[in-house]
Amino acid sequence: MNLKKINAALQKALIENGFEEATELQEETFSYIKSGADVVIQGEKGSGKTIALILNIIHKLKEPFEESPRALIMVEDKPQVLALYELFEQLNKYNKLRLYYTHDKTDFDDDKNQISLGIDVLIGTPNRLNEMFSGAGFNVNKLQVIAFDDVDVLLRNRYENKILRLLGSIEKGQRLYFCSQITERVEAVALNDEEREPIFLEME
């Protein structure tokens, strides 16, 4: 994939899975995300938003390290959790980051136990992630990335308070917001912390 200085192991997995050429969105947003800035990315369906989310997290984390999660990804529901996890696993073949997913139907106590054994990336739904970070006692200071796939859909389905509560409990960490449309509500969430200055990228 034609992205400057992309992780070699990730590059190999991308090519093996048929992602030989970066989409315009992936190419234009890579350097912004890599810089560590908070980024809000608008792209239509088929523009490669989800792959951009995954590849940037793998590129940033590189390999397993310590115990506490270093990346958190919120998606709307169980089917999206499972779909994202499966795709992440494919592209994570050589980097071997420890992935775990949780949703409203998984066992909360079992989730806590499994996560405490050590993971790098946690994928989950709004309700369950809020439960996890309000009562599980994880070290949120280890989080380097908090990402939202289809944040406009999450907001449309009234998860705004859950998102803001989660962001409010995690001071550190790059914020990545992927959406089909940068709405006023998306802007409001991204700008909720006056000390942060997100970059807004509207891709065709």
N, C-alpha and C. Protein backbone atom coordinates (compact mmCIF):
# COMPACT_ATOMS: atom_id res chain seq x y z
N MET A 1 0.84 -1.20 0.00
CA MET A 1 0.00 0.00 0.00
C MET A 1 0.88 1.25 0.00
N ASN A 2 0.53 2.22 -0.80
CA ASN A 2 1.37 3.39 -1.01
C ASN A 2 1.20 4.45 0.08
N LEU A 3 1.60 4.08 1.31
CA LEU A 3 1.58 5.00 2.42
C LEU A 3 3.01 5.15 2.95
N LYS A 4 3.45 6.37 3.14
CA LYS A 4 4.84 6.64 3.47
C LYS A 4 5.24 6.06 4.83
N LYS A 5 6.30 5.23 4.81
CA LYS A 5 6.88 4.66 6.03
C LYS A 5 5.89 3.83 6.83
N ILE A 6 4.98 3.14 6.16
CA ILE A 6 4.04 2.29 6.87
C ILE A 6 4.77 1.07 7.44
N ASN A 7 4.30 0.59 8.58
CA ASN A 7 4.88 -0.58 9.24
C ASN A 7 4.98 -1.75 8.27
N ALA A 8 6.14 -2.38 8.17
CA ALA A 8 6.40 -3.42 7.17
C ALA A 8 5.51 -4.65 7.36
N ALA A 9 5.31 -5.07 8.61
CA ALA A 9 4.46 -6.24 8.87
C ALA A 9 3.01 -5.96 8.48
N LEU A 10 2.56 -4.76 8.78
CA LEU A 10 1.20 -4.34 8.40
C LEU A 10 1.07 -4.27 6.88
N GLN A 11 2.06 -3.72 6.22
CA GLN A 11 2.06 -3.64 4.76
C GLN A 11 1.89 -5.02 4.13
N LYS A 12 2.59 -5.99 4.67
CA LYS A 12 2.51 -7.36 4.16
C LYS A 12 1.09 -7.91 4.30
N ALA A 13 0.48 -7.71 5.46
CA ALA A 13 -0.88 -8.20 5.70
C ALA A 13 -1.89 -7.49 4.80
N LEU A 14 -1.72 -6.19 4.60
CA LEU A 14 -2.61 -5.44 3.73
C LEU A 14 -2.59 -6.00 2.30
N ILE A 15 -1.40 -6.23 1.79
CA ILE A 15 -1.26 -6.74 0.42
C ILE A 15 -1.86 -8.13 0.31
N GLU A 16 -1.61 -8.99 1.30
CA GLU A 16 -2.15 -10.35 1.28
C GLU A 16 -3.68 -10.36 1.28
N ASN A 17 -4.27 -9.32 1.86
CA ASN A 17 -5.73 -9.24 1.93
C ASN A 17 -6.34 -8.39 0.82
N GLY A 18 -5.53 -8.09 -0.19
CA GLY A 18 -6.04 -7.41 -1.37
C GLY A 18 -6.05 -5.90 -1.31
N PHE A 19 -5.45 -5.32 -0.26
CA PHE A 19 -5.40 -3.86 -0.14
C PHE A 19 -4.04 -3.37 -0.62
N GLU A 20 -3.83 -3.45 -1.93
CA GLU A 20 -2.53 -3.10 -2.50
C GLU A 20 -2.37 -1.61 -2.72
N GLU A 21 -3.46 -0.93 -3.00
CA GLU A 21 -3.42 0.51 -3.23
C GLU A 21 -4.29 1.22 -2.20
N ALA A 22 -3.75 2.27 -1.61
CA ALA A 22 -4.52 3.05 -0.65
C ALA A 22 -5.60 3.85 -1.38
N THR A 23 -6.77 3.97 -0.75
CA THR A 23 -7.79 4.85 -1.29
C THR A 23 -7.36 6.29 -1.04
N GLU A 24 -8.06 7.22 -1.67
CA GLU A 24 -7.72 8.63 -1.49
C GLU A 24 -7.84 9.01 -0.02
N LEU A 25 -8.89 8.55 0.64
CA LEU A 25 -9.08 8.86 2.05
C LEU A 25 -7.94 8.33 2.90
N GLN A 26 -7.54 7.09 2.66
CA GLN A 26 -6.46 6.49 3.44
C GLN A 26 -5.14 7.23 3.23
N GLU A 27 -4.89 7.62 1.99
CA GLU A 27 -3.64 8.30 1.66
C GLU A 27 -3.61 9.72 2.23
N GLU A 28 -4.72 10.43 2.10
CA GLU A 28 -4.76 11.84 2.51
C GLU A 28 -4.81 12.01 4.03
N THR A 29 -5.30 11.00 4.75
CA THR A 29 -5.46 11.14 6.20
C THR A 29 -4.32 10.50 7.00
N PHE A 30 -3.50 9.68 6.36
CA PHE A 30 -2.48 8.90 7.07
C PHE A 30 -1.51 9.79 7.86
N SER A 31 -0.99 10.81 7.24
CA SER A 31 0.01 11.66 7.91
C SER A 31 -0.61 12.45 9.05
N TYR A 32 -1.87 12.88 8.87
CA TYR A 32 -2.54 13.62 9.94
C TYR A 32 -2.73 12.73 11.17
N ILE A 33 -3.20 11.51 10.94
CA ILE A 33 -3.41 10.58 12.06
C ILE A 33 -2.08 10.21 12.69
N LYS A 34 -1.08 9.95 11.84
CA LYS A 34 0.24 9.55 12.33
C LYS A 34 0.87 10.64 13.20
N SER A 35 0.48 11.89 12.98
CA SER A 35 1.05 13.01 13.75
C SER A 35 0.62 12.98 15.21
N GLY A 36 -0.45 12.24 15.50
CA GLY A 36 -0.95 12.16 16.87
C GLY A 36 -2.06 13.14 17.18
N ALA A 37 -2.45 13.96 16.21
CA ALA A 37 -3.51 14.94 16.42
C ALA A 37 -4.87 14.25 16.48
N ASP A 38 -5.82 14.88 17.17
CA ASP A 38 -7.21 14.43 17.09
C ASP A 38 -7.71 14.73 15.68
N VAL A 39 -8.41 13.78 15.07
CA VAL A 39 -8.84 13.96 13.68
C VAL A 39 -10.29 13.51 13.51
N VAL A 40 -11.07 14.34 12.82
CA VAL A 40 -12.44 13.99 12.42
C VAL A 40 -12.43 13.79 10.92
N ILE A 41 -12.81 12.60 10.46
CA ILE A 41 -12.69 12.26 9.04
C ILE A 41 -14.06 11.92 8.46
N GLN A 42 -14.42 12.67 7.44
CA GLN A 42 -15.67 12.41 6.73
C GLN A 42 -15.36 11.72 5.41
N GLY A 43 -16.04 10.61 5.15
CA GLY A 43 -15.86 9.90 3.89
C GLY A 43 -17.09 9.08 3.57
N GLU A 44 -17.44 9.03 2.31
CA GLU A 44 -18.65 8.29 1.93
C GLU A 44 -18.41 6.79 2.02
N LYS A 45 -19.48 6.02 1.93
CA LYS A 45 -19.39 4.56 1.98
C LYS A 45 -18.50 4.07 0.83
N GLY A 46 -17.58 3.17 1.15
CA GLY A 46 -16.67 2.64 0.14
C GLY A 46 -15.37 3.42 0.01
N SER A 47 -15.21 4.45 0.85
CA SER A 47 -13.99 5.28 0.76
C SER A 47 -12.83 4.68 1.55
N GLY A 48 -13.10 3.65 2.33
CA GLY A 48 -12.02 2.98 3.06
C GLY A 48 -11.82 3.48 4.48
N LYS A 49 -12.88 4.02 5.09
CA LYS A 49 -12.77 4.58 6.44
C LYS A 49 -12.37 3.52 7.46
N THR A 50 -13.05 2.38 7.44
CA THR A 50 -12.79 1.36 8.47
C THR A 50 -11.39 0.79 8.35
N ILE A 51 -10.92 0.57 7.12
CA ILE A 51 -9.55 0.09 6.93
C ILE A 51 -8.56 1.15 7.41
N ALA A 52 -8.87 2.42 7.15
CA ALA A 52 -8.00 3.50 7.62
C ALA A 52 -7.91 3.49 9.14
N LEU A 53 -9.03 3.28 9.80
CA LEU A 53 -9.05 3.21 11.27
C LEU A 53 -8.15 2.09 11.76
N ILE A 54 -8.34 0.90 11.19
CA ILE A 54 -7.58 -0.28 11.63
C ILE A 54 -6.09 -0.13 11.35
N LEU A 55 -5.75 0.25 10.12
CA LEU A 55 -4.32 0.28 9.76
C LEU A 55 -3.57 1.34 10.57
N ASN A 56 -4.23 2.44 10.90
CA ASN A 56 -3.56 3.46 11.68
C ASN A 56 -3.32 3.02 13.12
N ILE A 57 -4.24 2.26 13.67
CA ILE A 57 -4.04 1.75 15.04
C ILE A 57 -2.93 0.71 15.05
N ILE A 58 -2.93 -0.20 14.08
CA ILE A 58 -1.86 -1.20 14.03
C ILE A 58 -0.51 -0.52 13.82
N HIS A 59 -0.48 0.46 12.92
CA HIS A 59 0.79 1.17 12.65
C HIS A 59 1.29 1.86 13.92
N LYS A 60 0.40 2.43 14.69
CA LYS A 60 0.79 3.17 15.89
C LYS A 60 1.27 2.24 17.00
N LEU A 61 0.55 1.15 17.24
CA LEU A 61 0.86 0.26 18.37
C LEU A 61 1.98 -0.74 18.05
N LYS A 62 2.04 -1.15 16.80
CA LYS A 62 3.13 -2.01 16.28
C LYS A 62 3.16 -3.44 16.80
N GLU A 63 3.19 -3.64 18.12
CA GLU A 63 3.36 -4.99 18.67
C GLU A 63 2.78 -5.05 20.08
N PRO A 64 2.56 -6.26 20.61
CA PRO A 64 2.04 -6.39 21.98
C PRO A 64 2.96 -5.70 22.98
N PHE A 65 2.33 -5.09 24.01
CA PHE A 65 3.14 -4.36 25.00
C PHE A 65 2.34 -4.18 26.28
N GLU A 66 2.91 -4.60 27.40
CA GLU A 66 2.32 -4.46 28.72
C GLU A 66 0.93 -5.09 28.80
N GLU A 67 0.11 -4.65 29.75
CA GLU A 67 -1.16 -5.32 30.00
C GLU A 67 -2.40 -4.49 29.66
N SER A 68 -2.38 -3.20 29.99
CA SER A 68 -3.59 -2.39 29.81
C SER A 68 -3.84 -2.06 28.35
N PRO A 69 -5.13 -1.96 27.96
CA PRO A 69 -5.46 -1.61 26.57
C PRO A 69 -4.82 -0.29 26.16
N ARG A 70 -4.32 -0.25 24.92
CA ARG A 70 -3.72 0.99 24.40
C ARG A 70 -4.57 1.62 23.31
N ALA A 71 -5.56 0.88 22.83
CA ALA A 71 -6.50 1.43 21.83
C ALA A 71 -7.90 0.96 22.16
N LEU A 72 -8.84 1.86 22.02
CA LEU A 72 -10.24 1.59 22.29
C LEU A 72 -11.05 1.99 21.06
N ILE A 73 -11.89 1.09 20.57
CA ILE A 73 -12.70 1.39 19.39
C ILE A 73 -14.17 1.18 19.73
N MET A 74 -14.99 2.19 19.52
CA MET A 74 -16.42 2.09 19.77
C MET A 74 -17.18 1.97 18.45
N VAL A 75 -18.06 0.96 18.38
CA VAL A 75 -18.96 0.79 17.24
C VAL A 75 -20.37 0.59 17.77
N GLU A 76 -21.34 0.59 16.86
CA GLU A 76 -22.73 0.69 17.30
C GLU A 76 -23.28 -0.55 18.00
N ASP A 77 -23.07 -1.74 17.42
CA ASP A 77 -23.77 -2.92 17.93
C ASP A 77 -22.95 -4.19 17.74
N LYS A 78 -23.49 -5.31 18.18
CA LYS A 78 -22.79 -6.60 18.12
C LYS A 78 -22.33 -6.96 16.71
N PRO A 79 -23.20 -6.90 15.68
CA PRO A 79 -22.74 -7.25 14.32
C PRO A 79 -21.54 -6.42 13.87
N GLN A 80 -21.55 -5.12 14.19
CA GLN A 80 -20.42 -4.27 13.79
C GLN A 80 -19.16 -4.60 14.60
N VAL A 81 -19.34 -4.93 15.87
CA VAL A 81 -18.20 -5.35 16.69
C VAL A 81 -17.53 -6.57 16.07
N LEU A 82 -18.34 -7.58 15.72
CA LEU A 82 -17.80 -8.83 15.18
C LEU A 82 -17.15 -8.61 13.81
N ALA A 83 -17.78 -7.77 12.97
CA ALA A 83 -17.24 -7.50 11.64
C ALA A 83 -15.89 -6.77 11.74
N LEU A 84 -15.82 -5.78 12.63
CA LEU A 84 -14.58 -5.03 12.80
C LEU A 84 -13.48 -5.92 13.38
N TYR A 85 -13.84 -6.75 14.34
CA TYR A 85 -12.87 -7.66 14.95
C TYR A 85 -12.28 -8.61 13.91
N GLU A 86 -13.14 -9.16 13.07
CA GLU A 86 -12.67 -10.11 12.04
C GLU A 86 -11.72 -9.43 11.06
N LEU A 87 -12.07 -8.25 10.62
CA LEU A 87 -11.22 -7.51 9.68
C LEU A 87 -9.90 -7.11 10.36
N PHE A 88 -9.98 -6.69 11.61
CA PHE A 88 -8.79 -6.31 12.36
C PHE A 88 -7.84 -7.51 12.48
N GLU A 89 -8.40 -8.68 12.76
CA GLU A 89 -7.58 -9.89 12.89
C GLU A 89 -6.81 -10.18 11.60
N GLN A 90 -7.47 -9.99 10.47
CA GLN A 90 -6.82 -10.27 9.18
C GLN A 90 -5.60 -9.36 8.97
N LEU A 91 -5.77 -8.08 9.29
CA LEU A 91 -4.69 -7.12 9.05
C LEU A 91 -3.64 -7.14 10.17
N ASN A 92 -3.97 -7.80 11.26
CA ASN A 92 -3.10 -7.89 12.42
C ASN A 92 -2.29 -9.20 12.42
N LYS A 93 -2.32 -9.91 11.32
CA LYS A 93 -1.72 -11.26 11.24
C LYS A 93 -0.26 -11.28 11.69
N TYR A 94 0.51 -10.31 11.30
CA TYR A 94 1.95 -10.32 11.58
C TYR A 94 2.33 -9.43 12.76
N ASN A 95 1.54 -8.41 13.04
CA ASN A 95 1.85 -7.55 14.19
C ASN A 95 1.46 -8.22 15.51
N LYS A 96 0.45 -9.06 15.45
CA LYS A 96 0.04 -9.89 16.59
C LYS A 96 -0.36 -9.09 17.83
N LEU A 97 -0.99 -7.95 17.60
CA LEU A 97 -1.58 -7.22 18.72
C LEU A 97 -2.66 -8.08 19.36
N ARG A 98 -2.83 -7.97 20.66
CA ARG A 98 -3.83 -8.76 21.36
C ARG A 98 -5.17 -8.03 21.31
N LEU A 99 -6.11 -8.61 20.58
CA LEU A 99 -7.43 -8.00 20.37
C LEU A 99 -8.45 -8.64 21.29
N TYR A 100 -9.42 -7.85 21.70
CA TYR A 100 -10.54 -8.40 22.47
C TYR A 100 -11.77 -7.57 22.15
N TYR A 101 -12.92 -8.24 22.11
CA TYR A 101 -14.16 -7.49 21.87
C TYR A 101 -15.17 -7.75 22.98
N THR A 102 -16.04 -6.80 23.18
CA THR A 102 -17.10 -6.91 24.18
C THR A 102 -18.34 -6.19 23.65
N HIS A 103 -19.49 -6.72 23.97
CA HIS A 103 -20.75 -6.07 23.58
C HIS A 103 -21.81 -6.40 24.63
N ASP A 104 -23.02 -5.95 24.40
CA ASP A 104 -24.06 -6.06 25.41
C ASP A 104 -24.44 -7.50 25.75
N LYS A 105 -24.07 -8.45 24.93
CA LYS A 105 -24.44 -9.85 25.16
C LYS A 105 -23.29 -10.69 25.72
N THR A 106 -22.09 -10.13 25.83
CA THR A 106 -20.99 -10.90 26.40
C THR A 106 -21.08 -10.86 27.93
N ASP A 107 -20.39 -11.80 28.58
CA ASP A 107 -20.43 -11.88 30.05
C ASP A 107 -19.48 -10.83 30.64
N PHE A 108 -20.01 -9.92 31.41
CA PHE A 108 -19.23 -8.79 31.92
C PHE A 108 -18.05 -9.24 32.78
N ASP A 109 -18.29 -10.15 33.69
CA ASP A 109 -17.22 -10.62 34.58
C ASP A 109 -16.14 -11.36 33.81
N ASP A 110 -16.56 -12.17 32.84
CA ASP A 110 -15.59 -12.88 32.02
C ASP A 110 -14.77 -11.89 31.19
N ASP A 111 -15.44 -10.88 30.67
CA ASP A 111 -14.73 -9.84 29.91
C ASP A 111 -13.65 -9.19 30.77
N LYS A 112 -14.01 -8.82 32.00
CA LYS A 112 -13.04 -8.17 32.89
C LYS A 112 -11.84 -9.07 33.15
N ASN A 113 -12.13 -10.34 33.37
CA ASN A 113 -11.04 -11.29 33.66
C ASN A 113 -10.11 -11.45 32.46
N GLN A 114 -10.69 -11.58 31.28
CA GLN A 114 -9.89 -11.77 30.07
C GLN A 114 -9.04 -10.53 29.77
N ILE A 115 -9.65 -9.36 29.94
CA ILE A 115 -8.93 -8.12 29.66
C ILE A 115 -7.79 -7.92 30.66
N SER A 116 -8.00 -8.32 31.90
CA SER A 116 -6.96 -8.15 32.92
C SER A 116 -5.73 -9.01 32.65
N LEU A 117 -5.88 -10.02 31.80
CA LEU A 117 -4.73 -10.86 31.44
C LEU A 117 -3.76 -10.14 30.51
N GLY A 118 -4.25 -9.08 29.87
CA GLY A 118 -3.40 -8.27 28.98
C GLY A 118 -3.90 -8.24 27.55
N ILE A 119 -4.30 -7.05 27.09
CA ILE A 119 -4.71 -6.86 25.70
C ILE A 119 -4.15 -5.53 25.21
N ASP A 120 -4.15 -5.35 23.90
CA ASP A 120 -3.70 -4.09 23.30
C ASP A 120 -4.86 -3.28 22.75
N VAL A 121 -5.86 -3.96 22.16
CA VAL A 121 -6.97 -3.28 21.49
C VAL A 121 -8.29 -3.83 22.00
N LEU A 122 -9.18 -2.93 22.42
CA LEU A 122 -10.51 -3.32 22.88
C LEU A 122 -11.55 -2.72 21.96
N ILE A 123 -12.41 -3.57 21.40
CA ILE A 123 -13.50 -3.14 20.51
C ILE A 123 -14.81 -3.38 21.24
N GLY A 124 -15.70 -2.40 21.25
CA GLY A 124 -16.94 -2.62 21.98
C GLY A 124 -18.05 -1.65 21.63
N THR A 125 -19.21 -1.91 22.22
CA THR A 125 -20.40 -1.08 22.04
C THR A 125 -20.43 0.01 23.11
N PRO A 126 -21.21 1.07 22.88
CA PRO A 126 -21.23 2.19 23.83
C PRO A 126 -21.59 1.79 25.26
N ASN A 127 -22.65 1.01 25.43
CA ASN A 127 -23.08 0.63 26.77
C ASN A 127 -22.01 -0.17 27.49
N ARG A 128 -21.47 -1.19 26.81
CA ARG A 128 -20.52 -2.06 27.48
C ARG A 128 -19.18 -1.35 27.78
N LEU A 129 -18.73 -0.52 26.87
CA LEU A 129 -17.48 0.19 27.12
C LEU A 129 -17.61 1.14 28.29
N ASN A 130 -18.78 1.78 28.43
CA ASN A 130 -19.00 2.64 29.58
C ASN A 130 -18.98 1.85 30.88
N GLU A 131 -19.60 0.68 30.85
CA GLU A 131 -19.56 -0.21 32.02
C GLU A 131 -18.12 -0.58 32.37
N MET A 132 -17.38 -0.95 31.33
CA MET A 132 -16.00 -1.39 31.53
C MET A 132 -15.14 -0.31 32.19
N PHE A 133 -15.24 0.90 31.70
CA PHE A 133 -14.33 1.93 32.17
C PHE A 133 -14.86 2.67 33.40
N SER A 134 -16.10 2.40 33.81
CA SER A 134 -16.59 3.00 35.04
C SER A 134 -16.40 2.07 36.23
N GLY A 135 -16.33 0.75 35.96
CA GLY A 135 -16.27 -0.18 37.09
C GLY A 135 -15.20 -1.24 37.04
N ALA A 136 -14.39 -1.25 36.00
CA ALA A 136 -13.43 -2.35 35.86
C ALA A 136 -12.04 -2.01 36.38
N GLY A 137 -11.79 -0.73 36.61
CA GLY A 137 -10.52 -0.35 37.19
C GLY A 137 -9.33 -0.43 36.25
N PHE A 138 -9.55 -0.23 34.95
CA PHE A 138 -8.43 -0.27 34.01
C PHE A 138 -7.62 1.02 34.09
N ASN A 139 -6.36 0.91 33.72
CA ASN A 139 -5.49 2.07 33.70
C ASN A 139 -5.71 2.84 32.40
N VAL A 140 -6.59 3.83 32.44
CA VAL A 140 -6.93 4.57 31.21
C VAL A 140 -5.77 5.42 30.72
N ASN A 141 -4.78 5.65 31.57
CA ASN A 141 -3.64 6.46 31.16
C ASN A 141 -2.77 5.76 30.12
N LYS A 142 -2.97 4.47 29.93
CA LYS A 142 -2.22 3.72 28.93
C LYS A 142 -2.85 3.84 27.54
N LEU A 143 -4.08 4.35 27.47
CA LEU A 143 -4.76 4.46 26.18
C LEU A 143 -4.08 5.51 25.30
N GLN A 144 -3.70 5.08 24.11
CA GLN A 144 -3.08 5.99 23.15
C GLN A 144 -4.05 6.45 22.07
N VAL A 145 -5.09 5.65 21.82
CA VAL A 145 -6.06 5.98 20.77
C VAL A 145 -7.47 5.63 21.25
N ILE A 146 -8.40 6.56 21.07
CA ILE A 146 -9.82 6.29 21.28
C ILE A 146 -10.49 6.60 19.95
N ALA A 147 -11.04 5.57 19.31
CA ALA A 147 -11.58 5.73 17.95
C ALA A 147 -13.06 5.38 17.89
N PHE A 148 -13.76 6.07 16.99
CA PHE A 148 -15.19 5.85 16.80
C PHE A 148 -15.45 5.58 15.33
N ASP A 149 -16.01 4.41 15.03
CA ASP A 149 -16.37 4.09 13.65
C ASP A 149 -17.82 4.46 13.43
N ASP A 150 -18.09 5.31 12.43
CA ASP A 150 -19.44 5.82 12.16
C ASP A 150 -19.99 6.58 13.36
N VAL A 151 -19.23 7.57 13.83
CA VAL A 151 -19.66 8.33 15.00
C VAL A 151 -20.96 9.09 14.74
N ASP A 152 -21.22 9.47 13.49
CA ASP A 152 -22.48 10.14 13.18
C ASP A 152 -23.67 9.22 13.40
N VAL A 153 -23.50 7.93 13.11
CA VAL A 153 -24.56 6.95 13.35
C VAL A 153 -24.75 6.75 14.85
N LEU A 154 -23.65 6.66 15.59
CA LEU A 154 -23.73 6.52 17.05
C LEU A 154 -24.51 7.69 17.66
N LEU A 155 -24.24 8.89 17.18
CA LEU A 155 -24.92 10.07 17.71
C LEU A 155 -26.39 10.09 17.30
N ARG A 156 -26.66 9.67 16.08
CA ARG A 156 -28.05 9.61 15.61
C ARG A 156 -28.87 8.63 16.44
N ASN A 157 -28.21 7.61 16.95
CA ASN A 157 -28.89 6.60 17.77
C ASN A 157 -28.79 6.91 19.26
N ARG A 158 -28.52 8.15 19.58
CA ARG A 158 -28.61 8.70 20.94
C ARG A 158 -27.57 8.14 21.92
N TYR A 159 -26.37 7.97 21.42
CA TYR A 159 -25.29 7.54 22.31
C TYR A 159 -24.38 8.70 22.70
N GLU A 160 -24.84 9.92 22.49
CA GLU A 160 -24.00 11.09 22.74
C GLU A 160 -23.50 11.13 24.18
N ASN A 161 -24.41 10.91 25.16
CA ASN A 161 -24.01 10.97 26.56
C ASN A 161 -22.99 9.89 26.91
N LYS A 162 -23.16 8.70 26.32
CA LYS A 162 -22.21 7.61 26.56
C LYS A 162 -20.82 7.98 26.02
N ILE A 163 -20.81 8.58 24.84
CA ILE A 163 -19.54 8.97 24.23
C ILE A 163 -18.86 10.05 25.05
N LEU A 164 -19.62 11.07 25.44
CA LEU A 164 -19.04 12.17 26.21
C LEU A 164 -18.57 11.71 27.58
N ARG A 165 -19.31 10.79 28.19
CA ARG A 165 -18.91 10.28 29.50
C ARG A 165 -17.59 9.52 29.39
N LEU A 166 -17.48 8.73 28.33
CA LEU A 166 -16.24 7.97 28.12
C LEU A 166 -15.07 8.91 27.87
N LEU A 167 -15.26 9.89 26.98
CA LEU A 167 -14.19 10.84 26.68
C LEU A 167 -13.80 11.64 27.92
N GLY A 168 -14.79 11.97 28.73
CA GLY A 168 -14.52 12.74 29.94
C GLY A 168 -13.72 11.98 30.97
N SER A 169 -13.80 10.66 30.92
CA SER A 169 -13.07 9.84 31.89
C SER A 169 -11.66 9.49 31.42
N ILE A 170 -11.35 9.83 30.15
CA ILE A 170 -10.05 9.51 29.58
C ILE A 170 -9.38 10.80 29.10
N GLU A 171 -8.47 11.33 29.89
CA GLU A 171 -7.86 12.62 29.55
C GLU A 171 -6.88 12.49 28.40
N LYS A 172 -6.05 11.45 28.44
CA LYS A 172 -5.01 11.30 27.44
C LYS A 172 -5.53 10.48 26.25
N GLY A 173 -4.72 10.42 25.20
CA GLY A 173 -5.07 9.58 24.06
C GLY A 173 -5.60 10.37 22.87
N GLN A 174 -5.11 10.01 21.70
CA GLN A 174 -5.57 10.61 20.45
C GLN A 174 -7.01 10.21 20.18
N ARG A 175 -7.83 11.14 19.74
CA ARG A 175 -9.22 10.87 19.37
C ARG A 175 -9.35 10.79 17.85
N LEU A 176 -9.96 9.71 17.36
CA LEU A 176 -10.22 9.56 15.93
C LEU A 176 -11.71 9.35 15.71
N TYR A 177 -12.33 10.24 14.94
CA TYR A 177 -13.76 10.16 14.68
C TYR A 177 -13.96 9.92 13.18
N PHE A 178 -14.50 8.78 12.80
CA PHE A 178 -14.78 8.48 11.40
C PHE A 178 -16.29 8.56 11.18
N CYS A 179 -16.70 9.23 10.11
CA CYS A 179 -18.14 9.40 9.87
C CYS A 179 -18.42 9.57 8.37
N SER A 180 -19.68 9.41 8.01
CA SER A 180 -20.11 9.65 6.64
C SER A 180 -20.42 11.12 6.42
N GLN A 181 -20.75 11.82 7.51
CA GLN A 181 -21.05 13.24 7.41
C GLN A 181 -20.67 13.94 8.71
N ILE A 182 -19.95 15.03 8.61
CA ILE A 182 -19.61 15.82 9.79
C ILE A 182 -20.80 16.72 10.10
N THR A 183 -21.65 16.26 11.00
CA THR A 183 -22.84 17.01 11.40
C THR A 183 -22.49 17.96 12.54
N GLU A 184 -23.45 18.80 12.92
CA GLU A 184 -23.23 19.70 14.05
C GLU A 184 -22.97 18.91 15.33
N ARG A 185 -23.63 17.78 15.47
CA ARG A 185 -23.45 16.96 16.68
C ARG A 185 -22.07 16.32 16.70
N VAL A 186 -21.58 15.90 15.53
CA VAL A 186 -20.22 15.36 15.45
C VAL A 186 -19.22 16.45 15.84
N GLU A 187 -19.41 17.64 15.32
CA GLU A 187 -18.51 18.76 15.66
C GLU A 187 -18.55 19.05 17.15
N ALA A 188 -19.75 19.05 17.73
CA ALA A 188 -19.91 19.36 19.15
C ALA A 188 -19.18 18.35 20.03
N VAL A 189 -19.27 17.07 19.67
CA VAL A 189 -18.58 16.03 20.44
C VAL A 189 -17.07 16.18 20.31
N ALA A 190 -16.60 16.39 19.09
CA ALA A 190 -15.16 16.51 18.85
C ALA A 190 -14.57 17.75 19.54
N LEU A 191 -15.40 18.78 19.70
CA LEU A 191 -14.94 20.04 20.29
C LEU A 191 -15.34 20.18 21.75
N ASN A 192 -15.80 19.09 22.37
CA ASN A 192 -16.33 19.19 23.74
C ASN A 192 -15.27 19.58 24.76
N ASP A 193 -14.02 19.23 24.47
CA ASP A 193 -12.92 19.59 25.36
C ASP A 193 -12.20 20.79 24.76
N GLU A 194 -12.28 21.93 25.43
CA GLU A 194 -11.73 23.18 24.89
C GLU A 194 -10.21 23.14 24.73
N GLU A 195 -9.56 22.23 25.44
CA GLU A 195 -8.10 22.15 25.37
C GLU A 195 -7.62 21.35 24.17
N ARG A 196 -8.54 20.68 23.49
CA ARG A 196 -8.16 19.87 22.33
C ARG A 196 -8.55 20.60 21.05
N GLU A 197 -7.73 20.45 20.01
CA GLU A 197 -7.99 21.14 18.74
C GLU A 197 -7.98 20.11 17.60
N PRO A 198 -9.11 19.46 17.37
CA PRO A 198 -9.15 18.43 16.32
C PRO A 198 -9.03 19.02 14.92
N ILE A 199 -8.52 18.19 14.02
CA ILE A 199 -8.44 18.54 12.60
C ILE A 199 -9.66 17.92 11.91
N PHE A 200 -10.34 18.69 11.09
CA PHE A 200 -11.50 18.21 10.37
C PHE A 200 -11.14 17.99 8.91
N LEU A 201 -11.31 16.77 8.42
CA LEU A 201 -10.98 16.42 7.05
C LEU A 201 -12.22 15.91 6.33
N GLU A 202 -12.66 16.62 5.33
CA GLU A 202 -13.84 16.23 4.56
C GLU A 202 -13.38 15.67 3.23
N MET A 203 -13.46 14.34 3.10
CA MET A 203 -13.04 13.69 1.87
C MET A 203 -14.25 13.44 0.98
N GLU A 204 -14.03 13.48 -0.31
CA GLU A 204 -15.13 13.23 -1.27
C GLU A 204 -15.48 11.75 -1.28
